[in-house]
Each structure stands twice: as C-alpha cells, then as structure tokens.
Amino acid sequence: MILNVENLHKAFNKKTVLNNLSYRFEKGKIYGILGRNGAGKTTLFNCIIRELSIDEGKISLIENKQERELTFEDTGMVSASPVLPEFLTGYEFITYFLQFNQGNQVANEQKVIEYFNLFNIEESDQHKLIKNYSYGMKNKLQLLCCFIRNPEIILLDEPLSSFDIIVSHDIKERLIQMKQDHIILMSTHILQLATDVCDEILLLKNGQLTGFDWRNDNQEENEKYLIEALKSES
C-alpha cells in the first residue's frame, strides 16, 4: 500500500504553502516531517484528510497496483489542537466512541478500561468532565480515538509534545509495534523524537519535501545540519 501525493499545490491568498509537492509514503514505515512554524506541515495533513481542498495535483492510495481516491475510513488525524465534547466525561466519550465505531449497542466495559490502561489514564481521570482535562489529557484522548478507529493512514500533528516522559515512551513503543499495518506520518519539532521512532525523516521547506539522513549517530552534527537547512528556507 502506498499513499501517493503528486504535484500537490496549495496557496492561501496568493501565498504558496505547498509547491508541487510529491512523495510516496509506504506501508510499514513511520515518516517524520520536520519544518519551521508555518512551513505547511498541518496544511499537508489537512489536504490528505480532505479538510482542505487542494489547488492542483492529486492524493491517492495505491493497493495491489490499483489506484483510488482516499475515503474517510482510510485516514485518521491527531491534531495539535484537540476538539472534544467537553460536556462528557472521558469514560462516557470513549464508551460512545466505541459503540459508534464498532457498531455495538453496548460497548464492552472491559474493552473501555483496556484502552484507558493503554494510555495510563487513571480511573479518577476517566470519570472527570473533559472540560476539566489538561491539554495533555485531551491529547491522550484524541490519540486513543485514533487507535480505536485504526485507519490505514495515521497522521500525527505534534503528537507527543504535551505528554510526560512515561506516556511518551509507551506511545512511541506502540507506534513502532503497529507501523507494519499502517502508513504513519508524524510532524514534529523534536529531532530526537523523530530519530527515535521514524524510518525516514523529511524536511518540509519551500513547499517541498526533501530527505534528511540522520544515521551518522552524531546528534550535535545532525542538529547543526537541520538548523542550517531550515534557515535556508526562502
């Protein structure tokens, strides 16, 4: 399975953000996308999930040599700014979410608890109103929903920036375990996070993606190269 992005162009008020961007993302890999603020990382993700229309180009899925358009079921995105029903508790929301996505009239209580345990969400927090959750807790819930849906293509927009070190470690391990069945794209500002979990790292600058070879194991040299590369963005 391949996510094919071909000659993608997107502009806002005559300002070009994505400039004939092309790349093929393969199943079984985690791709880290690094770029400066405003480089277009979130715009790229929103074009893939069809939250934004594209000006030119195409985005398609290639399976068994057959090419088709993406559907809602193909993609799932964890946004940097979670939008959740704050009038529900976390437990109520995940219960309803499971019912909706698995077609069950009554969600299995043990299954709900298993999902919460996966993200180390304490029982006391499960029964709080979402409006009283911290930013990090809301992000946990959003990521949990994406895991429940289990789409072929997972888009993570700054996924671990608000998590503590224990949860970050658990989620990184989970992503590595599940990558063989998915195409995972992750935008981040944190080079160490990208090198920890990604199979390929791409720089988004001047509206295009370019490869970044970080495998020399010299973190200081990598960071220096990355800073200089991104500084050169016009």
C-alpha atoms as a PDB file:
ATOM      1  CA  MET A   1       0.000   0.000   0.000  1.00  0.00           C
ATOM      2  CA  ILE A   2       1.287   3.450  -0.956  1.00  0.00           C
ATOM      3  CA  LEU A   3      -0.014   6.917  -0.141  1.00  0.00           C
ATOM      4  CA  ASN A   4       0.714   8.823  -3.334  1.00  0.00           C
ATOM      5  CA  VAL A   5       0.997  12.622  -3.131  1.00  0.00           C
ATOM      6  CA  GLU A   6       1.666  14.005  -6.581  1.00  0.00           C
ATOM      7  CA  ASN A   7       2.341  17.617  -7.636  1.00  0.00           C
ATOM      8  CA  LEU A   8       0.345  18.954  -4.694  1.00  0.00           C
ATOM      9  CA  HIS A   9      -0.110  22.721  -4.753  1.00  0.00           C
ATOM     10  CA  LYS A  10      -1.853  24.758  -2.065  1.00  0.00           C
ATOM     11  CA  ALA A  11      -1.871  28.523  -1.622  1.00  0.00           C
ATOM     12  CA  PHE A  12      -3.641  30.959   0.697  1.00  0.00           C
ATOM     13  CA  ASN A  13      -4.272  34.485  -0.573  1.00  0.00           C
ATOM     14  CA  LYS A  14      -1.650  34.037  -3.287  1.00  0.00           C
ATOM     15  CA  LYS A  15       0.938  32.813  -0.737  1.00  0.00           C
ATOM     16  CA  THR A  16       2.146  29.378  -1.808  1.00  0.00           C
ATOM     17  CA  VAL A  17       2.439  26.909   1.081  1.00  0.00           C
ATOM     18  CA  LEU A  18       2.795  23.599  -0.784  1.00  0.00           C
ATOM     19  CA  ASN A  19       4.596  23.934  -4.092  1.00  0.00           C
ATOM     20  CA  ASN A  20       4.145  20.934  -6.428  1.00  0.00           C
ATOM     21  CA  LEU A  21       4.959  18.625  -3.531  1.00  0.00           C
ATOM     22  CA  SER A  22       5.360  14.961  -4.473  1.00  0.00           C
ATOM     23  CA  TYR A  23       6.159  11.929  -2.333  1.00  0.00           C
ATOM     24  CA  ARG A  24       5.213   8.269  -2.000  1.00  0.00           C
ATOM     25  CA  PHE A  25       4.688   7.011   1.546  1.00  0.00           C
ATOM     26  CA  GLU A  26       4.880   3.234   2.017  1.00  0.00           C
ATOM     27  CA  LYS A  27       3.025   0.935   4.383  1.00  0.00           C
ATOM     28  CA  GLY A  28       5.194  -0.318   7.232  1.00  0.00           C
ATOM     29  CA  LYS A  29       7.060   2.932   7.817  1.00  0.00           C
ATOM     30  CA  ILE A  30       6.892   5.903  10.148  1.00  0.00           C
ATOM     31  CA  TYR A  31       7.756   9.184   8.436  1.00  0.00           C
ATOM     32  CA  GLY A  32       8.900  12.175  10.456  1.00  0.00           C
ATOM     33  CA  ILE A  33       8.196  15.553   8.871  1.00  0.00           C
ATOM     34  CA  LEU A  34      10.242  18.437  10.257  1.00  0.00           C
ATOM     35  CA  GLY A  35       9.847  22.069   9.346  1.00  0.00           C
ATOM     36  CA  ARG A  36       9.663  25.582  10.700  1.00  0.00           C
ATOM     37  CA  ASN A  37       6.444  27.080  12.010  1.00  0.00           C
ATOM     38  CA  GLY A  38       4.271  27.909   9.022  1.00  0.00           C
ATOM     39  CA  ALA A  39       6.181  25.578   6.699  1.00  0.00           C
ATOM     40  CA  GLY A  40       2.959  23.732   5.807  1.00  0.00           C
ATOM     41  CA  LYS A  41       3.047  20.544   7.891  1.00  0.00           C
ATOM     42  CA  THR A  42      -0.512  20.891   9.171  1.00  0.00           C
ATOM     43  CA  THR A  43      -1.672  22.120   5.755  1.00  0.00           C
ATOM     44  CA  LEU A  44      -0.274  18.947   4.167  1.00  0.00           C
ATOM     45  CA  PHE A  45      -2.106  16.774   6.694  1.00  0.00           C
ATOM     46  CA  ASN A  46      -5.367  18.669   6.226  1.00  0.00           C
ATOM     47  CA  CYS A  47      -5.103  18.221   2.455  1.00  0.00           C
ATOM     48  CA  ILE A  48      -4.604  14.470   2.899  1.00  0.00           C
ATOM     49  CA  ILE A  49      -7.725  14.125   5.068  1.00  0.00           C
ATOM     50  CA  ARG A  50      -9.656  16.470   2.727  1.00  0.00           C
ATOM     51  CA  GLU A  51     -10.221  19.033   5.468  1.00  0.00           C
ATOM     52  CA  LEU A  52      -8.729  21.469   2.938  1.00  0.00           C
ATOM     53  CA  SER A  53      -9.287  21.446  -0.799  1.00  0.00           C
ATOM     54  CA  ILE A  54      -6.208  21.267  -2.982  1.00  0.00           C
ATOM     55  CA  ASP A  55      -5.477  23.737  -5.765  1.00  0.00           C
ATOM     56  CA  GLU A  56      -3.619  21.327  -8.043  1.00  0.00           C
ATOM     57  CA  GLY A  57      -2.248  17.786  -8.001  1.00  0.00           C
ATOM     58  CA  LYS A  58      -3.680  14.627  -6.501  1.00  0.00           C
ATOM     59  CA  ILE A  59      -3.610  12.458  -3.397  1.00  0.00           C
ATOM     60  CA  SER A  60      -4.418   8.789  -3.844  1.00  0.00           C
ATOM     61  CA  LEU A  61      -3.972   5.326  -2.386  1.00  0.00           C
ATOM     62  CA  ILE A  62      -2.300   2.552  -4.380  1.00  0.00           C
ATOM     63  CA  GLU A  63      -3.165  -1.019  -3.374  1.00  0.00           C
ATOM     64  CA  ASN A  64      -2.343  -4.118  -5.411  1.00  0.00           C
ATOM     65  CA  LYS A  65      -1.339  -1.841  -8.319  1.00  0.00           C
ATOM     66  CA  GLN A  66      -4.811  -0.237  -8.267  1.00  0.00           C
ATOM     67  CA  GLU A  67      -5.065   3.492  -7.614  1.00  0.00           C
ATOM     68  CA  ARG A  68      -8.089   5.090  -5.953  1.00  0.00           C
ATOM     69  CA  GLU A  69      -9.132   8.184  -4.023  1.00  0.00           C
ATOM     70  CA  LEU A  70      -8.862   8.218  -0.254  1.00  0.00           C
ATOM     71  CA  THR A  71     -12.005   7.776   1.819  1.00  0.00           C
ATOM     72  CA  PHE A  72     -12.806   8.941   5.345  1.00  0.00           C
ATOM     73  CA  GLU A  73     -12.179   5.415   6.638  1.00  0.00           C
ATOM     74  CA  ASP A  74      -8.632   5.387   5.215  1.00  0.00           C
ATOM     75  CA  THR A  75      -7.286   8.233   7.335  1.00  0.00           C
ATOM     76  CA  GLY A  76      -7.141   9.359  10.926  1.00  0.00           C
ATOM     77  CA  MET A  77      -5.525  12.517  12.246  1.00  0.00           C
ATOM     78  CA  VAL A  78      -4.428  13.530  15.716  1.00  0.00           C
ATOM     79  CA  SER A  79      -4.453  17.299  15.650  1.00  0.00           C
ATOM     80  CA  ALA A  80      -2.276  19.677  17.658  1.00  0.00           C
ATOM     81  CA  SER A  81      -5.481  21.368  18.875  1.00  0.00           C
ATOM     82  CA  PRO A  82      -7.931  18.668  20.050  1.00  0.00           C
ATOM     83  CA  VAL A  83     -11.665  19.348  19.740  1.00  0.00           C
ATOM     84  CA  LEU A  84     -13.674  17.094  22.063  1.00  0.00           C
ATOM     85  CA  PRO A  85     -17.194  17.083  23.623  1.00  0.00           C
ATOM     86  CA  GLU A  86     -16.330  18.761  26.909  1.00  0.00           C
ATOM     87  CA  PHE A  87     -19.770  18.108  28.434  1.00  0.00           C
ATOM     88  CA  LEU A  88     -18.967  14.374  28.650  1.00  0.00           C
ATOM     89  CA  THR A  89     -16.590  12.527  30.917  1.00  0.00           C
ATOM     90  CA  GLY A  90     -13.687  10.732  29.298  1.00  0.00           C
ATOM     91  CA  TYR A  91     -15.297   7.390  30.100  1.00  0.00           C
ATOM     92  CA  GLU A  92     -18.638   8.388  28.568  1.00  0.00           C
ATOM     93  CA  PHE A  93     -16.963   9.692  25.434  1.00  0.00           C
ATOM     94  CA  ILE A  94     -14.835   6.587  24.815  1.00  0.00           C
ATOM     95  CA  THR A  95     -17.845   4.354  25.515  1.00  0.00           C
ATOM     96  CA  TYR A  96     -19.928   6.172  22.905  1.00  0.00           C
ATOM     97  CA  PHE A  97     -16.975   6.306  20.505  1.00  0.00           C
ATOM     98  CA  LEU A  98     -16.547   2.525  20.711  1.00  0.00           C
ATOM     99  CA  GLN A  99     -20.278   1.988  20.154  1.00  0.00           C
ATOM    100  CA  PHE A 100     -20.248   4.210  17.085  1.00  0.00           C
ATOM    101  CA  ASN A 101     -17.084   2.786  15.518  1.00  0.00           C
ATOM    102  CA  GLN A 102     -17.630  -0.881  16.293  1.00  0.00           C
ATOM    103  CA  GLY A 103     -21.367  -0.980  15.661  1.00  0.00           C
ATOM    104  CA  ASN A 104     -22.235  -2.272  19.126  1.00  0.00           C
ATOM    105  CA  GLN A 105     -25.290  -1.093  21.033  1.00  0.00           C
ATOM    106  CA  VAL A 106     -23.379  -1.516  24.291  1.00  0.00           C
ATOM    107  CA  ALA A 107     -19.621  -1.095  24.474  1.00  0.00           C
ATOM    108  CA  ASN A 108     -17.719  -3.789  26.350  1.00  0.00           C
ATOM    109  CA  GLU A 109     -16.744  -2.247  29.683  1.00  0.00           C
ATOM    110  CA  GLN A 110     -13.549  -4.288  29.889  1.00  0.00           C
ATOM    111  CA  LYS A 111     -12.545  -3.064  26.434  1.00  0.00           C
ATOM    112  CA  VAL A 112     -13.069   0.550  27.503  1.00  0.00           C
ATOM    113  CA  ILE A 113     -10.866   0.012  30.540  1.00  0.00           C
ATOM    114  CA  GLU A 114      -8.183  -1.698  28.430  1.00  0.00           C
ATOM    115  CA  TYR A 115      -7.959   1.321  26.147  1.00  0.00           C
ATOM    116  CA  PHE A 116      -7.651   3.686  29.103  1.00  0.00           C
ATOM    117  CA  ASN A 117      -4.925   1.492  30.594  1.00  0.00           C
ATOM    118  CA  LEU A 118      -3.057   1.564  27.301  1.00  0.00           C
ATOM    119  CA  PHE A 119      -2.595   5.305  27.793  1.00  0.00           C
ATOM    120  CA  ASN A 120      -2.135   5.169  31.569  1.00  0.00           C
ATOM    121  CA  ILE A 121      -5.290   7.199  32.191  1.00  0.00           C
ATOM    122  CA  GLU A 122      -6.188   6.792  35.864  1.00  0.00           C
ATOM    123  CA  GLU A 123      -9.706   5.790  36.874  1.00  0.00           C
ATOM    124  CA  SER A 124     -10.244   9.136  38.625  1.00  0.00           C
ATOM    125  CA  ASP A 125      -9.423  10.950  35.363  1.00  0.00           C
ATOM    126  CA  GLN A 126     -11.659   8.653  33.316  1.00  0.00           C
ATOM    127  CA  HIS A 127     -14.711   9.993  35.161  1.00  0.00           C
ATOM    128  CA  LYS A 128     -13.804  13.681  35.024  1.00  0.00           C
ATOM    129  CA  LEU A 129     -15.550  16.008  32.593  1.00  0.00           C
ATOM    130  CA  ILE A 130     -13.380  16.542  29.536  1.00  0.00           C
ATOM    131  CA  LYS A 131     -13.621  20.308  30.052  1.00  0.00           C
ATOM    132  CA  ASN A 132     -11.548  19.811  33.208  1.00  0.00           C
ATOM    133  CA  TYR A 133      -8.813  17.857  31.423  1.00  0.00           C
ATOM    134  CA  SER A 134      -5.366  19.323  30.878  1.00  0.00           C
ATOM    135  CA  TYR A 135      -4.131  19.874  27.333  1.00  0.00           C
ATOM    136  CA  GLY A 136      -2.048  16.725  27.609  1.00  0.00           C
ATOM    137  CA  MET A 137      -5.026  14.664  28.800  1.00  0.00           C
ATOM    138  CA  LYS A 138      -7.137  15.895  25.888  1.00  0.00           C
ATOM    139  CA  ASN A 139      -4.370  14.871  23.507  1.00  0.00           C
ATOM    140  CA  LYS A 140      -4.265  11.416  25.091  1.00  0.00           C
ATOM    141  CA  LEU A 141      -7.994  11.029  24.492  1.00  0.00           C
ATOM    142  CA  GLN A 142      -7.694  12.183  20.903  1.00  0.00           C
ATOM    143  CA  LEU A 143      -4.859   9.744  20.202  1.00  0.00           C
ATOM    144  CA  LEU A 144      -6.845   6.968  21.869  1.00  0.00           C
ATOM    145  CA  CYS A 145      -9.735   7.623  19.455  1.00  0.00           C
ATOM    146  CA  CYS A 146      -7.361   7.276  16.511  1.00  0.00           C
ATOM    147  CA  PHE A 147      -6.133   3.926  17.843  1.00  0.00           C
ATOM    148  CA  ILE A 148      -9.725   2.732  18.218  1.00  0.00           C
ATOM    149  CA  ARG A 149     -10.564   3.670  14.617  1.00  0.00           C
ATOM    150  CA  ASN A 150      -7.359   2.003  13.414  1.00  0.00           C
ATOM    151  CA  PRO A 151      -7.221   3.613   9.940  1.00  0.00           C
ATOM    152  CA  GLU A 152      -4.683   2.596   7.299  1.00  0.00           C
ATOM    153  CA  ILE A 153      -3.103   6.077   7.291  1.00  0.00           C
ATOM    154  CA  ILE A 154      -2.365   7.789  10.607  1.00  0.00           C
ATOM    155  CA  LEU A 155      -1.395  11.471  10.681  1.00  0.00           C
ATOM    156  CA  LEU A 156       0.118  12.768  13.927  1.00  0.00           C
ATOM    157  CA  ASP A 157       0.474  16.546  14.212  1.00  0.00           C
ATOM    158  CA  GLU A 158       2.942  17.206  17.064  1.00  0.00           C
ATOM    159  CA  PRO A 159       1.682  14.067  18.853  1.00  0.00           C
ATOM    160  CA  LEU A 160       3.898  13.835  21.941  1.00  0.00           C
ATOM    161  CA  SER A 161       4.707  17.440  22.782  1.00  0.00           C
ATOM    162  CA  SER A 162       2.272  17.541  25.737  1.00  0.00           C
ATOM    163  CA  PHE A 163       2.873  14.075  27.230  1.00  0.00           C
ATOM    164  CA  ASP A 164       5.021  13.192  30.216  1.00  0.00           C
ATOM    165  CA  ILE A 165       8.093  11.022  29.691  1.00  0.00           C
ATOM    166  CA  ILE A 166       6.387   7.749  30.687  1.00  0.00           C
ATOM    167  CA  VAL A 167       3.402   8.163  28.364  1.00  0.00           C
ATOM    168  CA  SER A 168       5.670   9.397  25.556  1.00  0.00           C
ATOM    169  CA  HIS A 169       7.756   6.239  25.854  1.00  0.00           C
ATOM    170  CA  ASP A 170       4.673   3.994  25.868  1.00  0.00           C
ATOM    171  CA  ILE A 171       3.193   5.693  22.798  1.00  0.00           C
ATOM    172  CA  LYS A 172       6.486   5.572  20.884  1.00  0.00           C
ATOM    173  CA  GLU A 173       6.655   1.829  21.549  1.00  0.00           C
ATOM    174  CA  ARG A 174       3.039   1.421  20.462  1.00  0.00           C
ATOM    175  CA  LEU A 175       3.658   3.288  17.192  1.00  0.00           C
ATOM    176  CA  ILE A 176       6.677   1.116  16.390  1.00  0.00           C
ATOM    177  CA  GLN A 177       4.642  -2.044  17.084  1.00  0.00           C
ATOM    178  CA  MET A 178       1.744  -1.031  14.843  1.00  0.00           C
ATOM    179  CA  LYS A 179       3.646   0.512  11.921  1.00  0.00           C
ATOM    180  CA  GLN A 180       3.749  -2.700   9.875  1.00  0.00           C
ATOM    181  CA  ASP A 181      -0.002  -2.419   9.243  1.00  0.00           C
ATOM    182  CA  HIS A 182      -0.118   1.336   8.619  1.00  0.00           C
ATOM    183  CA  ILE A 183       1.362   4.355   6.929  1.00  0.00           C
ATOM    184  CA  ILE A 184       2.252   6.772   9.741  1.00  0.00           C
ATOM    185  CA  LEU A 185       3.172  10.422   9.144  1.00  0.00           C
ATOM    186  CA  MET A 186       4.298  12.443  12.133  1.00  0.00           C
ATOM    187  CA  SER A 187       5.096  16.147  12.195  1.00  0.00           C
ATOM    188  CA  THR A 188       7.367  17.312  14.987  1.00  0.00           C
ATOM    189  CA  HIS A 189       9.831  19.999  16.025  1.00  0.00           C
ATOM    190  CA  ILE A 190      11.798  17.496  18.120  1.00  0.00           C
ATOM    191  CA  LEU A 191      14.664  15.860  16.221  1.00  0.00           C
ATOM    192  CA  GLN A 192      15.291  13.282  18.966  1.00  0.00           C
ATOM    193  CA  LEU A 193      11.679  12.102  18.806  1.00  0.00           C
ATOM    194  CA  ALA A 194      11.924  11.702  15.042  1.00  0.00           C
ATOM    195  CA  THR A 195      15.195   9.759  15.219  1.00  0.00           C
ATOM    196  CA  ASP A 196      13.789   7.511  17.968  1.00  0.00           C
ATOM    197  CA  VAL A 197      10.789   6.215  16.038  1.00  0.00           C
ATOM    198  CA  CYS A 198      10.972   7.157  12.344  1.00  0.00           C
ATOM    199  CA  ASP A 199      12.170   5.114   9.402  1.00  0.00           C
ATOM    200  CA  GLU A 200      12.504   8.205   7.229  1.00  0.00           C
ATOM    201  CA  ILE A 201      12.843  11.872   8.147  1.00  0.00           C
ATOM    202  CA  LEU A 202      11.768  14.532   5.671  1.00  0.00           C
ATOM    203  CA  LEU A 203      12.271  18.285   5.749  1.00  0.00           C
ATOM    204  CA  LEU A 204       9.382  20.447   4.584  1.00  0.00           C
ATOM    205  CA  LYS A 205      10.731  23.734   3.271  1.00  0.00           C
ATOM    206  CA  ASN A 206       9.871  25.994   0.362  1.00  0.00           C
ATOM    207  CA  GLY A 207       6.715  23.946  -0.069  1.00  0.00           C
ATOM    208  CA  GLN A 208       8.502  20.678  -0.866  1.00  0.00           C
ATOM    209  CA  LEU A 209       9.731  17.555   0.942  1.00  0.00           C
ATOM    210  CA  THR A 210      13.393  16.562   0.919  1.00  0.00           C
ATOM    211  CA  GLY A 211      15.093  13.640   2.634  1.00  0.00           C
ATOM    212  CA  PHE A 212      17.257  14.101   5.745  1.00  0.00           C
ATOM    213  CA  ASP A 213      19.939  11.497   6.505  1.00  0.00           C
ATOM    214  CA  TRP A 214      20.414  11.416  10.276  1.00  0.00           C
ATOM    215  CA  ARG A 215      22.001   7.965  10.643  1.00  0.00           C
ATOM    216  CA  ASN A 216      25.553   9.073  11.422  1.00  0.00           C
ATOM    217  CA  ASP A 217      24.704   8.905  15.161  1.00  0.00           C
ATOM    218  CA  ASN A 218      26.136  12.365  15.777  1.00  0.00           C
ATOM    219  CA  GLN A 219      23.257  14.259  17.376  1.00  0.00           C
ATOM    220  CA  GLU A 220      25.109  17.572  17.506  1.00  0.00           C
ATOM    221  CA  GLU A 221      26.067  17.359  13.828  1.00  0.00           C
ATOM    222  CA  ASN A 222      22.515  16.389  12.870  1.00  0.00           C
ATOM    223  CA  GLU A 223      21.021  19.341  14.733  1.00  0.00           C
ATOM    224  CA  LYS A 224      23.530  21.727  13.167  1.00  0.00           C
ATOM    225  CA  TYR A 225      22.703  20.455   9.680  1.00  0.00           C
ATOM    226  CA  LEU A 226      18.968  20.637  10.364  1.00  0.00           C
ATOM    227  CA  ILE A 227      19.168  24.225  11.627  1.00  0.00           C
ATOM    228  CA  GLU A 228      21.213  25.340   8.628  1.00  0.00           C
ATOM    229  CA  ALA A 229      18.898  23.527   6.201  1.00  0.00           C
ATOM    230  CA  LEU A 230      15.787  25.120   7.643  1.00  0.00           C
ATOM    231  CA  LYS A 231      17.433  28.537   7.912  1.00  0.00           C
ATOM    232  CA  SER A 232      17.979  28.450   4.172  1.00  0.00           C
ATOM    233  CA  GLU A 233      14.215  28.408   3.556  1.00  0.00           C
ATOM    234  CA  SER A 234      13.319  31.431   1.454  1.00  0.00           C
END
